[in-house]
Amino acid sequence: MLEANLLTKSYGNLQVLKDVSLVVEKHEIVSVVGASGAGKTTLLQILGSLLQPDSGKVLIDGNDLFSMGEKELSRFRNQQIGFVFQFHHLLPEFTAFENVCIPGYIAGAKKSVVEKKAQELLQLLDLLPRQHHKPSQLSGGEKQRVAIARALINNPSVILADEPSGNLDSQNQEELYRLFFSLREKFGHTFVIVTHDDHFAGMTDRMIRLQDGSITSA
């Protein structure tokens, strides 16, 4: 589903990624672990085409991301890559329901189709009673589940999550972990998850360990 070949990235004299290569199979849940500054978030941003590598390739479902033009890449990112961030990045002026719908509207899908899918996802994630609440009215766990529903709305090929449990208490962390596995069972999604949580990392199908910009185990 996802393949990275010889990725490098530097900021000035600091080389953050050094010839990183990896493969993630369809339906895998893979964790990326390592100390702060190891290059985990930089790697995830490149895998998601949010950041351009200095050299190397990323292929998602056979599509070479950095050979695409800007508009084509933006469209591909919107439709094929779902993002879940530590701090949710929900738009505060919109309700939970509206936040979930926005990527579907951007993709150009029919309004009725997007809204039906959003309702289904909110119900699946036990958020239907909270759908008309704005982010300021939601708990941390609820905000993260809204962010997951938003990531799923376009049925992406791969979901990339950056420290998704980092801002949650232990109960909500456990619920989030179980949710990722149940979503994989229900929809067959592929997940790549950056985490500092060794407990969660140990539950995933495979751990990729980064140290000083290089993969030391995969």
C-alpha atoms as a PDB file:
ATOM      1  CA  MET A   1       0.000   0.000   0.000  1.00  0.00           C
ATOM      2  CA  LEU A   2       2.809   2.392   0.889  1.00  0.00           C
ATOM      3  CA  GLU A   3       6.442   2.350  -0.154  1.00  0.00           C
ATOM      4  CA  ALA A   4       9.227   4.821   0.595  1.00  0.00           C
ATOM      5  CA  ASN A   5      12.575   4.593  -1.154  1.00  0.00           C
ATOM      6  CA  LEU A   6      15.766   6.270   0.070  1.00  0.00           C
ATOM      7  CA  LEU A   7      14.165   9.354   1.605  1.00  0.00           C
ATOM      8  CA  THR A   8      16.499  12.116   2.723  1.00  0.00           C
ATOM      9  CA  LYS A   9      15.662  15.437   4.368  1.00  0.00           C
ATOM     10  CA  SER A  10      17.935  18.112   5.797  1.00  0.00           C
ATOM     11  CA  TYR A  11      17.425  21.502   7.418  1.00  0.00           C
ATOM     12  CA  GLY A  12      20.647  23.400   6.879  1.00  0.00           C
ATOM     13  CA  ASN A  13      23.470  21.229   8.218  1.00  0.00           C
ATOM     14  CA  LEU A  14      21.080  18.984  10.171  1.00  0.00           C
ATOM     15  CA  GLN A  15      20.203  15.789   8.293  1.00  0.00           C
ATOM     16  CA  VAL A  16      16.851  14.653   9.693  1.00  0.00           C
ATOM     17  CA  LEU A  17      16.299  11.606   7.445  1.00  0.00           C
ATOM     18  CA  LYS A  18      19.101   9.482   6.002  1.00  0.00           C
ATOM     19  CA  ASP A  19      18.155   7.150   3.116  1.00  0.00           C
ATOM     20  CA  VAL A  20      14.987   5.881   4.818  1.00  0.00           C
ATOM     21  CA  SER A  21      13.208   3.038   2.997  1.00  0.00           C
ATOM     22  CA  LEU A  22      10.148   1.125   4.171  1.00  0.00           C
ATOM     23  CA  VAL A  23       7.153  -0.850   2.921  1.00  0.00           C
ATOM     24  CA  VAL A  24       3.707  -1.021   4.536  1.00  0.00           C
ATOM     25  CA  GLU A  25       1.334  -3.712   3.306  1.00  0.00           C
ATOM     26  CA  LYS A  26      -2.404  -3.269   2.771  1.00  0.00           C
ATOM     27  CA  HIS A  27      -4.426  -3.519   6.007  1.00  0.00           C
ATOM     28  CA  GLU A  28      -1.325  -3.290   8.218  1.00  0.00           C
ATOM     29  CA  ILE A  29      -1.235  -1.171  11.362  1.00  0.00           C
ATOM     30  CA  VAL A  30       2.375  -0.039  11.697  1.00  0.00           C
ATOM     31  CA  SER A  31       3.839   2.128  14.464  1.00  0.00           C
ATOM     32  CA  VAL A  32       6.849   4.406  14.041  1.00  0.00           C
ATOM     33  CA  VAL A  33       8.779   4.835  17.285  1.00  0.00           C
ATOM     34  CA  GLY A  34      11.960   6.546  18.435  1.00  0.00           C
ATOM     35  CA  ALA A  35      13.267   9.301  20.673  1.00  0.00           C
ATOM     36  CA  SER A  36      12.300  12.940  20.181  1.00  0.00           C
ATOM     37  CA  GLY A  37      14.282  14.337  17.260  1.00  0.00           C
ATOM     38  CA  ALA A  38      14.652  10.924  15.587  1.00  0.00           C
ATOM     39  CA  GLY A  39      12.764  12.154  12.496  1.00  0.00           C
ATOM     40  CA  LYS A  40       9.380  10.474  13.068  1.00  0.00           C
ATOM     41  CA  THR A  41       7.120  13.448  12.336  1.00  0.00           C
ATOM     42  CA  THR A  42       9.258  14.534   9.372  1.00  0.00           C
ATOM     43  CA  LEU A  43       8.940  11.021   7.932  1.00  0.00           C
ATOM     44  CA  LEU A  44       5.169  11.000   8.436  1.00  0.00           C
ATOM     45  CA  GLN A  45       4.789  14.424   6.805  1.00  0.00           C
ATOM     46  CA  ILE A  46       6.756  13.241   3.767  1.00  0.00           C
ATOM     47  CA  LEU A  47       4.736  10.018   3.545  1.00  0.00           C
ATOM     48  CA  GLY A  48       1.616  12.192   3.533  1.00  0.00           C
ATOM     49  CA  SER A  49       3.051  14.595   0.908  1.00  0.00           C
ATOM     50  CA  LEU A  50       2.811  17.517   3.342  1.00  0.00           C
ATOM     51  CA  LEU A  51       6.580  17.922   3.081  1.00  0.00           C
ATOM     52  CA  GLN A  52       8.879  17.450   0.082  1.00  0.00           C
ATOM     53  CA  PRO A  53      11.953  15.239   0.612  1.00  0.00           C
ATOM     54  CA  ASP A  54      15.367  16.358  -0.618  1.00  0.00           C
ATOM     55  CA  SER A  55      15.564  13.045  -2.481  1.00  0.00           C
ATOM     56  CA  GLY A  56      13.738   9.732  -2.651  1.00  0.00           C
ATOM     57  CA  LYS A  57      10.293   8.472  -3.620  1.00  0.00           C
ATOM     58  CA  VAL A  58       6.975   7.769  -1.928  1.00  0.00           C
ATOM     59  CA  LEU A  59       4.393   5.518  -3.591  1.00  0.00           C
ATOM     60  CA  ILE A  60       0.867   5.007  -2.263  1.00  0.00           C
ATOM     61  CA  ASP A  61      -1.056   2.207  -3.924  1.00  0.00           C
ATOM     62  CA  GLY A  62       1.419   2.460  -6.827  1.00  0.00           C
ATOM     63  CA  ASN A  63       1.074   6.246  -7.245  1.00  0.00           C
ATOM     64  CA  ASP A  64       4.358   8.193  -7.175  1.00  0.00           C
ATOM     65  CA  LEU A  65       3.433  11.217  -5.053  1.00  0.00           C
ATOM     66  CA  PHE A  66       6.231  13.596  -5.940  1.00  0.00           C
ATOM     67  CA  SER A  67       5.965  13.058  -9.675  1.00  0.00           C
ATOM     68  CA  MET A  68       2.499  14.668  -9.553  1.00  0.00           C
ATOM     69  CA  GLY A  69       1.755  18.308 -10.247  1.00  0.00           C
ATOM     70  CA  GLU A  70       0.602  20.463  -7.340  1.00  0.00           C
ATOM     71  CA  LYS A  71      -3.127  20.290  -8.116  1.00  0.00           C
ATOM     72  CA  GLU A  72      -3.046  16.556  -8.818  1.00  0.00           C
ATOM     73  CA  LEU A  73      -1.156  15.937  -5.586  1.00  0.00           C
ATOM     74  CA  SER A  74      -3.606  18.054  -3.560  1.00  0.00           C
ATOM     75  CA  ARG A  75      -6.518  16.084  -5.003  1.00  0.00           C
ATOM     76  CA  PHE A  76      -4.789  12.756  -4.330  1.00  0.00           C
ATOM     77  CA  ARG A  77      -3.973  13.793  -0.746  1.00  0.00           C
ATOM     78  CA  ASN A  78      -7.565  14.823  -0.111  1.00  0.00           C
ATOM     79  CA  GLN A  79      -9.042  11.598  -1.470  1.00  0.00           C
ATOM     80  CA  GLN A  80      -6.469   8.933  -0.617  1.00  0.00           C
ATOM     81  CA  ILE A  81      -4.687  10.005   2.585  1.00  0.00           C
ATOM     82  CA  GLY A  82      -6.382  10.510   5.936  1.00  0.00           C
ATOM     83  CA  PHE A  83      -4.601  12.504   8.655  1.00  0.00           C
ATOM     84  CA  VAL A  84      -5.051  12.363  12.428  1.00  0.00           C
ATOM     85  CA  PHE A  85      -2.986  14.816  14.498  1.00  0.00           C
ATOM     86  CA  GLN A  86      -2.249  15.045  18.214  1.00  0.00           C
ATOM     87  CA  PHE A  87      -4.100  18.346  18.599  1.00  0.00           C
ATOM     88  CA  HIS A  88      -7.043  17.482  16.333  1.00  0.00           C
ATOM     89  CA  HIS A  89      -6.857  20.596  14.101  1.00  0.00           C
ATOM     90  CA  LEU A  90     -10.642  20.839  14.035  1.00  0.00           C
ATOM     91  CA  LEU A  91     -12.037  24.127  12.714  1.00  0.00           C
ATOM     92  CA  PRO A  92     -13.469  25.851  15.814  1.00  0.00           C
ATOM     93  CA  GLU A  93     -16.263  27.724  14.024  1.00  0.00           C
ATOM     94  CA  PHE A  94     -17.830  24.523  12.647  1.00  0.00           C
ATOM     95  CA  THR A  95     -19.739  21.743  14.390  1.00  0.00           C
ATOM     96  CA  ALA A  96     -18.445  18.188  14.678  1.00  0.00           C
ATOM     97  CA  PHE A  97     -20.697  17.165  11.781  1.00  0.00           C
ATOM     98  CA  GLU A  98     -19.473  20.028   9.593  1.00  0.00           C
ATOM     99  CA  ASN A  99     -15.820  19.288  10.393  1.00  0.00           C
ATOM    100  CA  VAL A 100     -16.287  15.685   9.273  1.00  0.00           C
ATOM    101  CA  CYS A 101     -18.022  16.745   6.047  1.00  0.00           C
ATOM    102  CA  ILE A 102     -15.472  19.333   4.880  1.00  0.00           C
ATOM    103  CA  PRO A 103     -12.962  16.958   3.172  1.00  0.00           C
ATOM    104  CA  GLY A 104     -15.859  15.304   1.342  1.00  0.00           C
ATOM    105  CA  TYR A 105     -17.100  18.660   0.071  1.00  0.00           C
ATOM    106  CA  ILE A 106     -13.565  19.555  -1.043  1.00  0.00           C
ATOM    107  CA  ALA A 107     -13.368  16.247  -2.929  1.00  0.00           C
ATOM    108  CA  GLY A 108     -16.437  17.306  -4.922  1.00  0.00           C
ATOM    109  CA  ALA A 109     -18.682  14.461  -3.788  1.00  0.00           C
ATOM    110  CA  LYS A 110     -22.446  14.974  -3.757  1.00  0.00           C
ATOM    111  CA  LYS A 111     -23.577  16.827  -0.629  1.00  0.00           C
ATOM    112  CA  SER A 112     -26.158  14.171   0.203  1.00  0.00           C
ATOM    113  CA  VAL A 113     -23.580  11.370  -0.107  1.00  0.00           C
ATOM    114  CA  VAL A 114     -21.047  13.203   2.081  1.00  0.00           C
ATOM    115  CA  GLU A 115     -23.604  13.972   4.771  1.00  0.00           C
ATOM    116  CA  LYS A 116     -24.927  10.409   4.834  1.00  0.00           C
ATOM    117  CA  LYS A 117     -21.384   9.048   5.232  1.00  0.00           C
ATOM    118  CA  ALA A 118     -20.637  11.618   7.952  1.00  0.00           C
ATOM    119  CA  GLN A 119     -23.745  10.537   9.874  1.00  0.00           C
ATOM    120  CA  GLU A 120     -22.722   6.888   9.571  1.00  0.00           C
ATOM    121  CA  LEU A 121     -19.199   7.578  10.813  1.00  0.00           C
ATOM    122  CA  LEU A 122     -20.398   9.709  13.718  1.00  0.00           C
ATOM    123  CA  GLN A 123     -22.803   6.959  14.715  1.00  0.00           C
ATOM    124  CA  LEU A 124     -20.057   4.338  14.444  1.00  0.00           C
ATOM    125  CA  LEU A 125     -17.819   6.442  16.692  1.00  0.00           C
ATOM    126  CA  ASP A 126     -20.591   7.101  19.255  1.00  0.00           C
ATOM    127  CA  LEU A 127     -20.665  10.798  18.404  1.00  0.00           C
ATOM    128  CA  LEU A 128     -24.135  11.243  16.938  1.00  0.00           C
ATOM    129  CA  PRO A 129     -25.526  12.984  20.070  1.00  0.00           C
ATOM    130  CA  ARG A 130     -22.604  15.439  19.851  1.00  0.00           C
ATOM    131  CA  GLN A 131     -22.728  16.130  16.119  1.00  0.00           C
ATOM    132  CA  HIS A 132     -24.055  19.684  16.445  1.00  0.00           C
ATOM    133  CA  HIS A 133     -21.528  20.685  19.119  1.00  0.00           C
ATOM    134  CA  LYS A 134     -18.507  22.810  18.254  1.00  0.00           C
ATOM    135  CA  PRO A 135     -15.004  21.633  19.245  1.00  0.00           C
ATOM    136  CA  SER A 136     -14.942  23.885  22.332  1.00  0.00           C
ATOM    137  CA  GLN A 137     -17.925  21.913  23.643  1.00  0.00           C
ATOM    138  CA  LEU A 138     -16.292  18.484  23.186  1.00  0.00           C
ATOM    139  CA  SER A 139     -13.956  16.502  25.414  1.00  0.00           C
ATOM    140  CA  GLY A 140     -10.445  15.601  24.248  1.00  0.00           C
ATOM    141  CA  GLY A 141     -11.504  12.062  23.395  1.00  0.00           C
ATOM    142  CA  GLU A 142     -14.537  13.300  21.470  1.00  0.00           C
ATOM    143  CA  LYS A 143     -12.421  15.767  19.483  1.00  0.00           C
ATOM    144  CA  GLN A 144     -10.018  12.994  18.521  1.00  0.00           C
ATOM    145  CA  ARG A 145     -12.885  10.747  17.383  1.00  0.00           C
ATOM    146  CA  VAL A 146     -14.256  13.609  15.274  1.00  0.00           C
ATOM    147  CA  ALA A 147     -10.780  13.972  13.737  1.00  0.00           C
ATOM    148  CA  ILE A 148     -10.772  10.235  12.954  1.00  0.00           C
ATOM    149  CA  ALA A 149     -14.214  10.456  11.330  1.00  0.00           C
ATOM    150  CA  ARG A 150     -12.939  13.378   9.246  1.00  0.00           C
ATOM    151  CA  ALA A 151      -9.909  11.305   8.192  1.00  0.00           C
ATOM    152  CA  LEU A 152     -12.218   8.472   7.088  1.00  0.00           C
ATOM    153  CA  ILE A 153     -14.836  10.473   5.189  1.00  0.00           C
ATOM    154  CA  ASN A 154     -13.260   9.996   1.731  1.00  0.00           C
ATOM    155  CA  ASN A 155     -12.426   6.323   2.376  1.00  0.00           C
ATOM    156  CA  PRO A 156      -8.665   6.898   2.006  1.00  0.00           C
ATOM    157  CA  SER A 157      -6.122   4.253   1.052  1.00  0.00           C
ATOM    158  CA  VAL A 158      -3.953   4.988   4.088  1.00  0.00           C
ATOM    159  CA  ILE A 159      -4.373   6.824   7.386  1.00  0.00           C
ATOM    160  CA  LEU A 160      -1.378   8.624   8.909  1.00  0.00           C
ATOM    161  CA  ALA A 161      -1.567   9.503  12.597  1.00  0.00           C
ATOM    162  CA  ASP A 162       0.966  11.673  14.451  1.00  0.00           C
ATOM    163  CA  GLU A 163       0.921  11.026  18.228  1.00  0.00           C
ATOM    164  CA  PRO A 164      -2.883  10.575  18.154  1.00  0.00           C
ATOM    165  CA  SER A 165      -3.035   9.566  21.824  1.00  0.00           C
ATOM    166  CA  GLY A 166      -0.502  12.118  23.070  1.00  0.00           C
ATOM    167  CA  ASN A 167      -3.109  14.588  24.320  1.00  0.00           C
ATOM    168  CA  LEU A 168      -5.491  12.038  25.892  1.00  0.00           C
ATOM    169  CA  ASP A 169      -5.856  10.535  29.363  1.00  0.00           C
ATOM    170  CA  SER A 170      -5.205   6.819  29.828  1.00  0.00           C
ATOM    171  CA  GLN A 171      -8.858   5.757  29.452  1.00  0.00           C
ATOM    172  CA  ASN A 172      -9.271   7.674  26.198  1.00  0.00           C
ATOM    173  CA  GLN A 173      -5.921   6.335  24.975  1.00  0.00           C
ATOM    174  CA  GLU A 174      -7.118   2.753  25.421  1.00  0.00           C
ATOM    175  CA  GLU A 175     -10.390   3.540  23.643  1.00  0.00           C
ATOM    176  CA  LEU A 176      -8.466   5.114  20.763  1.00  0.00           C
ATOM    177  CA  TYR A 177      -6.217   2.069  20.405  1.00  0.00           C
ATOM    178  CA  ARG A 178      -9.182  -0.283  20.286  1.00  0.00           C
ATOM    179  CA  LEU A 179     -10.882   2.000  17.789  1.00  0.00           C
ATOM    180  CA  PHE A 180      -7.997   1.811  15.296  1.00  0.00           C
ATOM    181  CA  PHE A 181      -8.111  -1.980  15.334  1.00  0.00           C
ATOM    182  CA  SER A 182     -11.902  -2.123  15.004  1.00  0.00           C
ATOM    183  CA  LEU A 183     -11.747   0.309  12.056  1.00  0.00           C
ATOM    184  CA  ARG A 184      -9.175  -1.931  10.390  1.00  0.00           C
ATOM    185  CA  GLU A 185     -11.481  -4.920  10.888  1.00  0.00           C
ATOM    186  CA  LYS A 186     -14.523  -3.062   9.559  1.00  0.00           C
ATOM    187  CA  PHE A 187     -13.030  -1.109   6.647  1.00  0.00           C
ATOM    188  CA  GLY A 188      -9.660  -2.732   5.942  1.00  0.00           C
ATOM    189  CA  HIS A 189      -7.745   0.540   6.327  1.00  0.00           C
ATOM    190  CA  THR A 190      -3.957   0.771   6.466  1.00  0.00           C
ATOM    191  CA  PHE A 191      -2.510   2.802   9.353  1.00  0.00           C
ATOM    192  CA  VAL A 192       0.925   4.328   9.942  1.00  0.00           C
ATOM    193  CA  ILE A 193       1.071   5.759  13.461  1.00  0.00           C
ATOM    194  CA  VAL A 194       3.848   7.799  15.051  1.00  0.00           C
ATOM    195  CA  THR A 195       3.769   7.227  18.798  1.00  0.00           C
ATOM    196  CA  HIS A 196       5.841   7.548  21.962  1.00  0.00           C
ATOM    197  CA  ASP A 197       3.527   5.040  23.642  1.00  0.00           C
ATOM    198  CA  ASP A 198       5.390   1.722  23.910  1.00  0.00           C
ATOM    199  CA  HIS A 199       2.224  -0.061  25.064  1.00  0.00           C
ATOM    200  CA  PHE A 200       0.334   0.941  21.940  1.00  0.00           C
ATOM    201  CA  ALA A 201       3.335   0.373  19.676  1.00  0.00           C
ATOM    202  CA  GLY A 202       3.578  -3.160  21.033  1.00  0.00           C
ATOM    203  CA  MET A 203      -0.043  -3.819  20.015  1.00  0.00           C
ATOM    204  CA  THR A 204       0.497  -2.889  16.354  1.00  0.00           C
ATOM    205  CA  ASP A 205       1.345  -5.410  13.652  1.00  0.00           C
ATOM    206  CA  ARG A 206       4.877  -4.086  13.345  1.00  0.00           C
ATOM    207  CA  MET A 207       7.159  -1.437  14.830  1.00  0.00           C
ATOM    208  CA  ILE A 208       9.509   0.689  12.729  1.00  0.00           C
ATOM    209  CA  ARG A 209      12.187   2.197  14.943  1.00  0.00           C
ATOM    210  CA  LEU A 210      13.937   5.413  13.914  1.00  0.00           C
ATOM    211  CA  GLN A 211      17.189   6.586  15.458  1.00  0.00           C
ATOM    212  CA  ASP A 212      19.032   9.706  14.325  1.00  0.00           C
ATOM    213  CA  GLY A 213      17.181   9.744  11.007  1.00  0.00           C
ATOM    214  CA  SER A 214      17.753   6.090  10.111  1.00  0.00           C
ATOM    215  CA  ILE A 215      15.650   2.961  10.514  1.00  0.00           C
ATOM    216  CA  THR A 216      17.279   0.613  12.991  1.00  0.00           C
ATOM    217  CA  SER A 217      14.538  -2.051  12.977  1.00  0.00           C
ATOM    218  CA  ALA A 218      11.374  -2.692  10.986  1.00  0.00           C
END
